[in-house]
Amino acid sequence: MINDTPTPMTTISTSVPNPLPFGRAFVSEYDMMCNDCDTVWDAHAMVVSDANLTDDDILKVEYVGTEANCWPTIKVTFKDLYRARAYTAAYLGIDIADGWDVHVDDEVMEYLAPGQFV
């Protein structure tokens, strides 16, 4: 007897773990100049908005203190390095609407160099 009933296909995962840490959380510090904002948190919110990030993209924000330049400093924990790059570009005032080129990447990654994966 032949069974004409279709059987469901079995899906086999062929994904390979990414050896690069880009999917891990990333922490970086920022001196927040608050010229157009009332508080450091308003300045942070403005950068988040300019970077087109959502609440899910940022895991934690901590106030570190005031640096020697008298600017308040915050430590931001991002979901991953990609979100950190977008935030940093907005923080540095780089308009990436025209595209992300090697010069933008160099400037952003130079700023992120002291940061760390967690």
C-alpha atoms as a PDB file:
ATOM      1  CA  MET A   1       0.000   0.000   0.000  1.00  0.00           C
ATOM      2  CA  ILE A   2       1.332   3.446  -0.930  1.00  0.00           C
ATOM      3  CA  ASN A   3       0.923   6.332   1.454  1.00  0.00           C
ATOM      4  CA  ASP A   4      -0.034   9.464  -0.526  1.00  0.00           C
ATOM      5  CA  THR A   5      -0.071  11.679   2.566  1.00  0.00           C
ATOM      6  CA  PRO A   6       2.718  14.273   2.407  1.00  0.00           C
ATOM      7  CA  THR A   7       5.150  14.131   5.275  1.00  0.00           C
ATOM      8  CA  PRO A   8       6.431  17.321   6.860  1.00  0.00           C
ATOM      9  CA  MET A   9       9.955  18.332   5.944  1.00  0.00           C
ATOM     10  CA  THR A  10      12.494  18.250   8.709  1.00  0.00           C
ATOM     11  CA  THR A  11      14.580  21.401   8.960  1.00  0.00           C
ATOM     12  CA  ILE A  12      18.191  20.925   9.880  1.00  0.00           C
ATOM     13  CA  SER A  13      20.075  23.888  11.254  1.00  0.00           C
ATOM     14  CA  THR A  14      23.280  24.538   9.378  1.00  0.00           C
ATOM     15  CA  SER A  15      24.192  27.703  11.228  1.00  0.00           C
ATOM     16  CA  VAL A  16      27.743  27.976  12.429  1.00  0.00           C
ATOM     17  CA  PRO A  17      28.501  30.009  15.534  1.00  0.00           C
ATOM     18  CA  ASN A  18      30.073  33.325  14.657  1.00  0.00           C
ATOM     19  CA  PRO A  19      33.668  33.291  15.948  1.00  0.00           C
ATOM     20  CA  LEU A  20      33.705  37.100  16.069  1.00  0.00           C
ATOM     21  CA  PRO A  21      32.323  38.758  19.202  1.00  0.00           C
ATOM     22  CA  PHE A  22      30.055  41.186  17.302  1.00  0.00           C
ATOM     23  CA  GLY A  23      26.931  39.571  18.754  1.00  0.00           C
ATOM     24  CA  ARG A  24      28.060  40.145  22.342  1.00  0.00           C
ATOM     25  CA  ALA A  25      27.182  43.141  24.488  1.00  0.00           C
ATOM     26  CA  PHE A  26      29.611  46.062  24.226  1.00  0.00           C
ATOM     27  CA  VAL A  27      30.358  48.805  26.788  1.00  0.00           C
ATOM     28  CA  SER A  28      31.766  52.260  26.062  1.00  0.00           C
ATOM     29  CA  GLU A  29      31.971  55.598  27.893  1.00  0.00           C
ATOM     30  CA  TYR A  30      30.905  58.994  26.576  1.00  0.00           C
ATOM     31  CA  ASP A  31      31.490  62.529  27.850  1.00  0.00           C
ATOM     32  CA  MET A  32      28.112  64.173  27.353  1.00  0.00           C
ATOM     33  CA  MET A  33      28.238  67.856  26.481  1.00  0.00           C
ATOM     34  CA  CYS A  34      24.767  69.156  27.305  1.00  0.00           C
ATOM     35  CA  ASN A  35      24.652  72.450  25.352  1.00  0.00           C
ATOM     36  CA  ASP A  36      21.169  71.995  23.901  1.00  0.00           C
ATOM     37  CA  CYS A  37      19.850  69.796  26.713  1.00  0.00           C
ATOM     38  CA  ASP A  38      18.871  70.270  30.338  1.00  0.00           C
ATOM     39  CA  THR A  39      20.423  67.043  31.623  1.00  0.00           C
ATOM     40  CA  VAL A  40      22.878  64.355  30.642  1.00  0.00           C
ATOM     41  CA  TRP A  41      19.902  62.022  30.167  1.00  0.00           C
ATOM     42  CA  ASP A  42      18.331  64.415  27.651  1.00  0.00           C
ATOM     43  CA  ALA A  43      21.636  64.535  25.761  1.00  0.00           C
ATOM     44  CA  HIS A  44      21.798  60.736  25.760  1.00  0.00           C
ATOM     45  CA  ALA A  45      18.196  60.502  24.500  1.00  0.00           C
ATOM     46  CA  MET A  46      19.026  62.908  21.677  1.00  0.00           C
ATOM     47  CA  VAL A  47      21.977  60.733  20.573  1.00  0.00           C
ATOM     48  CA  VAL A  48      19.818  57.599  20.754  1.00  0.00           C
ATOM     49  CA  SER A  49      17.216  59.285  18.570  1.00  0.00           C
ATOM     50  CA  ASP A  50      19.804  60.504  16.048  1.00  0.00           C
ATOM     51  CA  ALA A  51      21.217  56.965  15.844  1.00  0.00           C
ATOM     52  CA  ASN A  52      17.742  55.481  15.263  1.00  0.00           C
ATOM     53  CA  LEU A  53      18.148  53.100  18.182  1.00  0.00           C
ATOM     54  CA  THR A  54      15.375  51.648  20.338  1.00  0.00           C
ATOM     55  CA  ASP A  55      15.173  50.801  24.024  1.00  0.00           C
ATOM     56  CA  ASP A  56      16.025  47.185  23.170  1.00  0.00           C
ATOM     57  CA  ASP A  57      19.332  48.237  21.597  1.00  0.00           C
ATOM     58  CA  ILE A  58      20.728  49.631  24.852  1.00  0.00           C
ATOM     59  CA  LEU A  59      20.944  47.298  27.825  1.00  0.00           C
ATOM     60  CA  LYS A  60      22.111  49.725  30.516  1.00  0.00           C
ATOM     61  CA  VAL A  61      23.199  53.345  31.010  1.00  0.00           C
ATOM     62  CA  GLU A  62      25.154  54.396  34.084  1.00  0.00           C
ATOM     63  CA  TYR A  63      26.304  57.807  35.264  1.00  0.00           C
ATOM     64  CA  VAL A  64      30.070  57.584  35.866  1.00  0.00           C
ATOM     65  CA  GLY A  65      30.773  61.094  37.133  1.00  0.00           C
ATOM     66  CA  THR A  66      32.273  64.341  35.918  1.00  0.00           C
ATOM     67  CA  GLU A  67      35.559  64.222  34.048  1.00  0.00           C
ATOM     68  CA  ALA A  68      38.385  66.783  34.245  1.00  0.00           C
ATOM     69  CA  ASN A  69      36.780  68.638  31.337  1.00  0.00           C
ATOM     70  CA  CYS A  70      33.715  69.170  33.610  1.00  0.00           C
ATOM     71  CA  TRP A  71      31.446  67.140  31.329  1.00  0.00           C
ATOM     72  CA  PRO A  72      29.304  64.399  32.813  1.00  0.00           C
ATOM     73  CA  THR A  73      30.309  60.922  31.685  1.00  0.00           C
ATOM     74  CA  ILE A  74      28.020  57.959  31.111  1.00  0.00           C
ATOM     75  CA  LYS A  75      28.799  54.303  30.510  1.00  0.00           C
ATOM     76  CA  VAL A  76      26.511  52.696  27.936  1.00  0.00           C
ATOM     77  CA  THR A  77      26.074  48.942  27.506  1.00  0.00           C
ATOM     78  CA  PHE A  78      24.850  48.156  24.003  1.00  0.00           C
ATOM     79  CA  LYS A  79      23.244  44.970  22.766  1.00  0.00           C
ATOM     80  CA  ASP A  80      26.153  44.525  20.357  1.00  0.00           C
ATOM     81  CA  LEU A  81      28.952  46.338  18.553  1.00  0.00           C
ATOM     82  CA  TYR A  82      26.699  47.339  15.654  1.00  0.00           C
ATOM     83  CA  ARG A  83      24.494  49.409  17.968  1.00  0.00           C
ATOM     84  CA  ALA A  84      27.578  50.899  19.622  1.00  0.00           C
ATOM     85  CA  ARG A  85      28.866  51.968  16.198  1.00  0.00           C
ATOM     86  CA  ALA A  86      25.558  53.657  15.304  1.00  0.00           C
ATOM     87  CA  TYR A  87      25.402  55.473  18.669  1.00  0.00           C
ATOM     88  CA  THR A  88      29.021  56.584  18.413  1.00  0.00           C
ATOM     89  CA  ALA A  89      28.563  57.940  14.890  1.00  0.00           C
ATOM     90  CA  ALA A  90      25.591  59.993  16.089  1.00  0.00           C
ATOM     91  CA  TYR A  91      27.523  61.071  19.199  1.00  0.00           C
ATOM     92  CA  LEU A  92      30.402  62.278  17.019  1.00  0.00           C
ATOM     93  CA  GLY A  93      27.968  64.161  14.769  1.00  0.00           C
ATOM     94  CA  ILE A  94      28.695  62.021  11.717  1.00  0.00           C
ATOM     95  CA  ASP A  95      25.834  61.898   9.237  1.00  0.00           C
ATOM     96  CA  ILE A  96      25.814  58.370   7.875  1.00  0.00           C
ATOM     97  CA  ALA A  97      22.798  58.972   5.629  1.00  0.00           C
ATOM     98  CA  ASP A  98      25.167  59.112   2.662  1.00  0.00           C
ATOM     99  CA  GLY A  99      26.646  55.753   3.589  1.00  0.00           C
ATOM    100  CA  TRP A 100      29.214  54.184   5.841  1.00  0.00           C
ATOM    101  CA  ASP A 101      32.683  54.459   4.355  1.00  0.00           C
ATOM    102  CA  VAL A 102      36.159  53.517   5.533  1.00  0.00           C
ATOM    103  CA  HIS A 103      36.818  57.013   6.941  1.00  0.00           C
ATOM    104  CA  VAL A 104      33.668  56.935   9.078  1.00  0.00           C
ATOM    105  CA  ASP A 105      34.514  53.418  10.221  1.00  0.00           C
ATOM    106  CA  ASP A 106      38.041  54.462  11.223  1.00  0.00           C
ATOM    107  CA  GLU A 107      36.808  57.458  13.209  1.00  0.00           C
ATOM    108  CA  VAL A 108      34.066  55.514  14.985  1.00  0.00           C
ATOM    109  CA  MET A 109      36.227  52.482  15.758  1.00  0.00           C
ATOM    110  CA  GLU A 110      39.031  54.718  17.055  1.00  0.00           C
ATOM    111  CA  TYR A 111      36.578  56.187  19.563  1.00  0.00           C
ATOM    112  CA  LEU A 112      35.327  52.713  20.535  1.00  0.00           C
ATOM    113  CA  ALA A 113      38.826  51.274  21.001  1.00  0.00           C
ATOM    114  CA  PRO A 114      38.818  51.700  24.821  1.00  0.00           C
ATOM    115  CA  GLY A 115      35.433  49.947  25.049  1.00  0.00           C
ATOM    116  CA  GLN A 116      35.040  46.267  25.774  1.00  0.00           C
ATOM    117  CA  PHE A 117      32.870  43.255  25.071  1.00  0.00           C
ATOM    118  CA  VAL A 118      31.045  41.894  28.101  1.00  0.00           C
END
